[in-house]
Amino acid sequence: MTSTPEPDTALQALARQLQQFADARDWGPFHSPKNLASALIVEAGELLEHFQWLTGDQSRQLTPEQKQAVAHEMADVLLYLVQLSTVLGIDLMDAARTKMALNAQKYPVGHNHKIDAL
């Protein structure tokens, strides 16, 4: 009996689409891990700009226009992170699950830990 391949996850499909997008534009030479990590930080900074002078309460009550702008910046962060994981051959979902398990050990329920390494 032949096993059927498992369908791509949404993240794998996105990674493939990003690779096709970059390949069609010959961007491969520019997508070194260093460059992708740098671009990721730039986009994270642009995301932060939307919250820079807001109070905690204000940051929870964004207008629809503000949410849309934040969504665009969040997408940029995600896209660069997915591209970086592809270039480095890192399974991002597996890495996230592993990190969550490590955090569960480091910060067990019921203990008052200062959250400083999430």
C-alpha atoms as a PDB file:
ATOM      1  CA  MET A   1       0.000   0.000   0.000  1.00  0.00           C
ATOM      2  CA  THR A   2       1.347   3.426  -0.932  1.00  0.00           C
ATOM      3  CA  SER A   3       1.073   6.090   1.685  1.00  0.00           C
ATOM      4  CA  THR A   4      -0.257   9.423   0.580  1.00  0.00           C
ATOM      5  CA  PRO A   5       1.827  12.454   1.456  1.00  0.00           C
ATOM      6  CA  GLU A   6       0.452  14.623   4.185  1.00  0.00           C
ATOM      7  CA  PRO A   7      -0.995  17.903   2.961  1.00  0.00           C
ATOM      8  CA  ASP A   8       1.026  21.031   3.508  1.00  0.00           C
ATOM      9  CA  THR A   9       0.291  23.023   6.584  1.00  0.00           C
ATOM     10  CA  ALA A  10      -0.699  26.633   6.056  1.00  0.00           C
ATOM     11  CA  LEU A  11       2.811  27.665   7.089  1.00  0.00           C
ATOM     12  CA  GLN A  12       4.445  25.281   4.621  1.00  0.00           C
ATOM     13  CA  ALA A  13       2.178  26.525   1.845  1.00  0.00           C
ATOM     14  CA  LEU A  14       3.062  30.116   2.729  1.00  0.00           C
ATOM     15  CA  ALA A  15       6.785  29.259   2.703  1.00  0.00           C
ATOM     16  CA  ARG A  16       6.425  27.720  -0.744  1.00  0.00           C
ATOM     17  CA  GLN A  17       4.529  30.776  -2.047  1.00  0.00           C
ATOM     18  CA  LEU A  18       7.187  33.092  -0.631  1.00  0.00           C
ATOM     19  CA  GLN A  19       9.933  31.052  -2.269  1.00  0.00           C
ATOM     20  CA  GLN A  20       8.145  31.199  -5.628  1.00  0.00           C
ATOM     21  CA  PHE A  21       7.624  34.962  -5.217  1.00  0.00           C
ATOM     22  CA  ALA A  22      11.310  35.539  -4.449  1.00  0.00           C
ATOM     23  CA  ASP A  23      12.493  33.161  -7.183  1.00  0.00           C
ATOM     24  CA  ALA A  24      10.372  34.948  -9.803  1.00  0.00           C
ATOM     25  CA  ARG A  25      12.158  38.187  -8.915  1.00  0.00           C
ATOM     26  CA  ASP A  26      15.665  36.696  -8.613  1.00  0.00           C
ATOM     27  CA  TRP A  27      15.902  37.828  -4.992  1.00  0.00           C
ATOM     28  CA  GLY A  28      17.760  34.706  -3.821  1.00  0.00           C
ATOM     29  CA  PRO A  29      21.189  36.387  -3.714  1.00  0.00           C
ATOM     30  CA  PHE A  30      19.800  38.989  -1.309  1.00  0.00           C
ATOM     31  CA  HIS A  31      18.092  36.509   1.021  1.00  0.00           C
ATOM     32  CA  SER A  32      21.006  35.486   3.197  1.00  0.00           C
ATOM     33  CA  PRO A  33      20.125  34.692   6.807  1.00  0.00           C
ATOM     34  CA  LYS A  34      21.822  37.929   7.875  1.00  0.00           C
ATOM     35  CA  ASN A  35      19.807  40.048   5.463  1.00  0.00           C
ATOM     36  CA  LEU A  36      16.526  38.342   6.306  1.00  0.00           C
ATOM     37  CA  ALA A  37      17.160  38.711  10.055  1.00  0.00           C
ATOM     38  CA  SER A  38      17.984  42.389   9.530  1.00  0.00           C
ATOM     39  CA  ALA A  39      14.815  42.938   7.501  1.00  0.00           C
ATOM     40  CA  LEU A  40      12.812  41.146  10.192  1.00  0.00           C
ATOM     41  CA  ILE A  41      14.092  43.540  12.846  1.00  0.00           C
ATOM     42  CA  VAL A  42      13.318  46.566  10.667  1.00  0.00           C
ATOM     43  CA  GLU A  43       9.748  45.353  10.203  1.00  0.00           C
ATOM     44  CA  ALA A  44       9.403  44.610  13.928  1.00  0.00           C
ATOM     45  CA  GLY A  45      10.478  48.192  14.571  1.00  0.00           C
ATOM     46  CA  GLU A  46       7.846  49.446  12.147  1.00  0.00           C
ATOM     47  CA  LEU A  47       5.275  47.374  14.038  1.00  0.00           C
ATOM     48  CA  LEU A  48       6.403  48.911  17.319  1.00  0.00           C
ATOM     49  CA  GLU A  49       6.016  52.427  15.915  1.00  0.00           C
ATOM     50  CA  HIS A  50       2.235  51.971  15.917  1.00  0.00           C
ATOM     51  CA  PHE A  51       2.282  51.501  19.706  1.00  0.00           C
ATOM     52  CA  GLN A  52       5.188  53.756  20.662  1.00  0.00           C
ATOM     53  CA  TRP A  53       3.295  56.536  22.436  1.00  0.00           C
ATOM     54  CA  LEU A  54       0.133  54.665  23.387  1.00  0.00           C
ATOM     55  CA  THR A  55      -0.775  53.576  26.885  1.00  0.00           C
ATOM     56  CA  GLY A  56      -1.437  49.904  27.499  1.00  0.00           C
ATOM     57  CA  ASP A  57      -5.180  50.562  27.374  1.00  0.00           C
ATOM     58  CA  GLN A  58      -4.915  52.595  24.165  1.00  0.00           C
ATOM     59  CA  SER A  59      -2.929  49.793  22.530  1.00  0.00           C
ATOM     60  CA  ARG A  60      -5.902  47.485  23.148  1.00  0.00           C
ATOM     61  CA  GLN A  61      -8.394  49.867  21.547  1.00  0.00           C
ATOM     62  CA  LEU A  62      -7.074  50.475  18.053  1.00  0.00           C
ATOM     63  CA  THR A  63      -9.273  51.975  15.384  1.00  0.00           C
ATOM     64  CA  PRO A  64     -10.029  49.821  12.334  1.00  0.00           C
ATOM     65  CA  GLU A  65      -7.471  51.860  10.366  1.00  0.00           C
ATOM     66  CA  GLN A  66      -4.831  51.361  13.044  1.00  0.00           C
ATOM     67  CA  LYS A  67      -5.552  47.618  13.181  1.00  0.00           C
ATOM     68  CA  GLN A  68      -5.147  47.377   9.414  1.00  0.00           C
ATOM     69  CA  ALA A  69      -1.801  49.168   9.544  1.00  0.00           C
ATOM     70  CA  VAL A  70      -0.676  46.908  12.400  1.00  0.00           C
ATOM     71  CA  ALA A  71      -1.859  43.846  10.454  1.00  0.00           C
ATOM     72  CA  HIS A  72       0.318  44.858   7.489  1.00  0.00           C
ATOM     73  CA  GLU A  73       3.387  45.200   9.722  1.00  0.00           C
ATOM     74  CA  MET A  74       2.633  41.900  11.471  1.00  0.00           C
ATOM     75  CA  ALA A  75       2.400  40.245   8.056  1.00  0.00           C
ATOM     76  CA  ASP A  76       5.794  41.677   7.087  1.00  0.00           C
ATOM     77  CA  VAL A  77       7.315  40.257  10.292  1.00  0.00           C
ATOM     78  CA  LEU A  78       5.747  36.856   9.637  1.00  0.00           C
ATOM     79  CA  LEU A  79       6.854  36.777   6.013  1.00  0.00           C
ATOM     80  CA  TYR A  80      10.483  37.530   6.845  1.00  0.00           C
ATOM     81  CA  LEU A  81      10.453  35.013   9.702  1.00  0.00           C
ATOM     82  CA  VAL A  82       9.080  32.298   7.413  1.00  0.00           C
ATOM     83  CA  GLN A  83      11.681  33.132   4.751  1.00  0.00           C
ATOM     84  CA  LEU A  84      14.454  32.999   7.346  1.00  0.00           C
ATOM     85  CA  SER A  85      13.282  29.612   8.592  1.00  0.00           C
ATOM     86  CA  THR A  86      13.213  28.311   5.002  1.00  0.00           C
ATOM     87  CA  VAL A  87      16.739  29.536   4.224  1.00  0.00           C
ATOM     88  CA  LEU A  88      18.074  27.970   7.435  1.00  0.00           C
ATOM     89  CA  GLY A  89      16.064  24.752   7.079  1.00  0.00           C
ATOM     90  CA  ILE A  90      14.327  25.226  10.429  1.00  0.00           C
ATOM     91  CA  ASP A  91      10.852  23.815  10.978  1.00  0.00           C
ATOM     92  CA  LEU A  92       9.302  26.864  12.579  1.00  0.00           C
ATOM     93  CA  MET A  93       6.306  25.017  14.031  1.00  0.00           C
ATOM     94  CA  ASP A  94       8.539  22.359  15.591  1.00  0.00           C
ATOM     95  CA  ALA A  95      10.836  25.061  16.977  1.00  0.00           C
ATOM     96  CA  ALA A  96       7.836  26.891  18.473  1.00  0.00           C
ATOM     97  CA  ARG A  97       6.476  23.713  20.094  1.00  0.00           C
ATOM     98  CA  THR A  98       9.908  22.918  21.517  1.00  0.00           C
ATOM     99  CA  LYS A  99      10.271  26.436  22.898  1.00  0.00           C
ATOM    100  CA  MET A 100       6.808  26.316  24.478  1.00  0.00           C
ATOM    101  CA  ALA A 101       7.723  23.031  26.200  1.00  0.00           C
ATOM    102  CA  LEU A 102      10.948  24.596  27.505  1.00  0.00           C
ATOM    103  CA  ASN A 103       9.010  27.630  28.753  1.00  0.00           C
ATOM    104  CA  ALA A 104       6.497  25.342  30.510  1.00  0.00           C
ATOM    105  CA  GLN A 105       9.390  23.759  32.412  1.00  0.00           C
ATOM    106  CA  LYS A 106      10.998  27.091  33.171  1.00  0.00           C
ATOM    107  CA  TYR A 107       7.745  28.761  34.243  1.00  0.00           C
ATOM    108  CA  PRO A 108       5.536  26.105  35.855  1.00  0.00           C
ATOM    109  CA  VAL A 109       1.933  26.967  36.667  1.00  0.00           C
ATOM    110  CA  GLY A 110       1.487  28.283  40.192  1.00  0.00           C
ATOM    111  CA  HIS A 111       4.916  29.805  40.546  1.00  0.00           C
ATOM    112  CA  ASN A 112       5.344  33.543  40.445  1.00  0.00           C
ATOM    113  CA  HIS A 113       8.091  34.047  37.892  1.00  0.00           C
ATOM    114  CA  LYS A 114       9.160  37.278  36.375  1.00  0.00           C
ATOM    115  CA  ILE A 115       8.624  36.808  32.633  1.00  0.00           C
ATOM    116  CA  ASP A 116      11.895  37.851  31.072  1.00  0.00           C
ATOM    117  CA  ALA A 117      12.784  35.263  28.468  1.00  0.00           C
ATOM    118  CA  LEU A 118       9.702  34.572  26.419  1.00  0.00           C
END
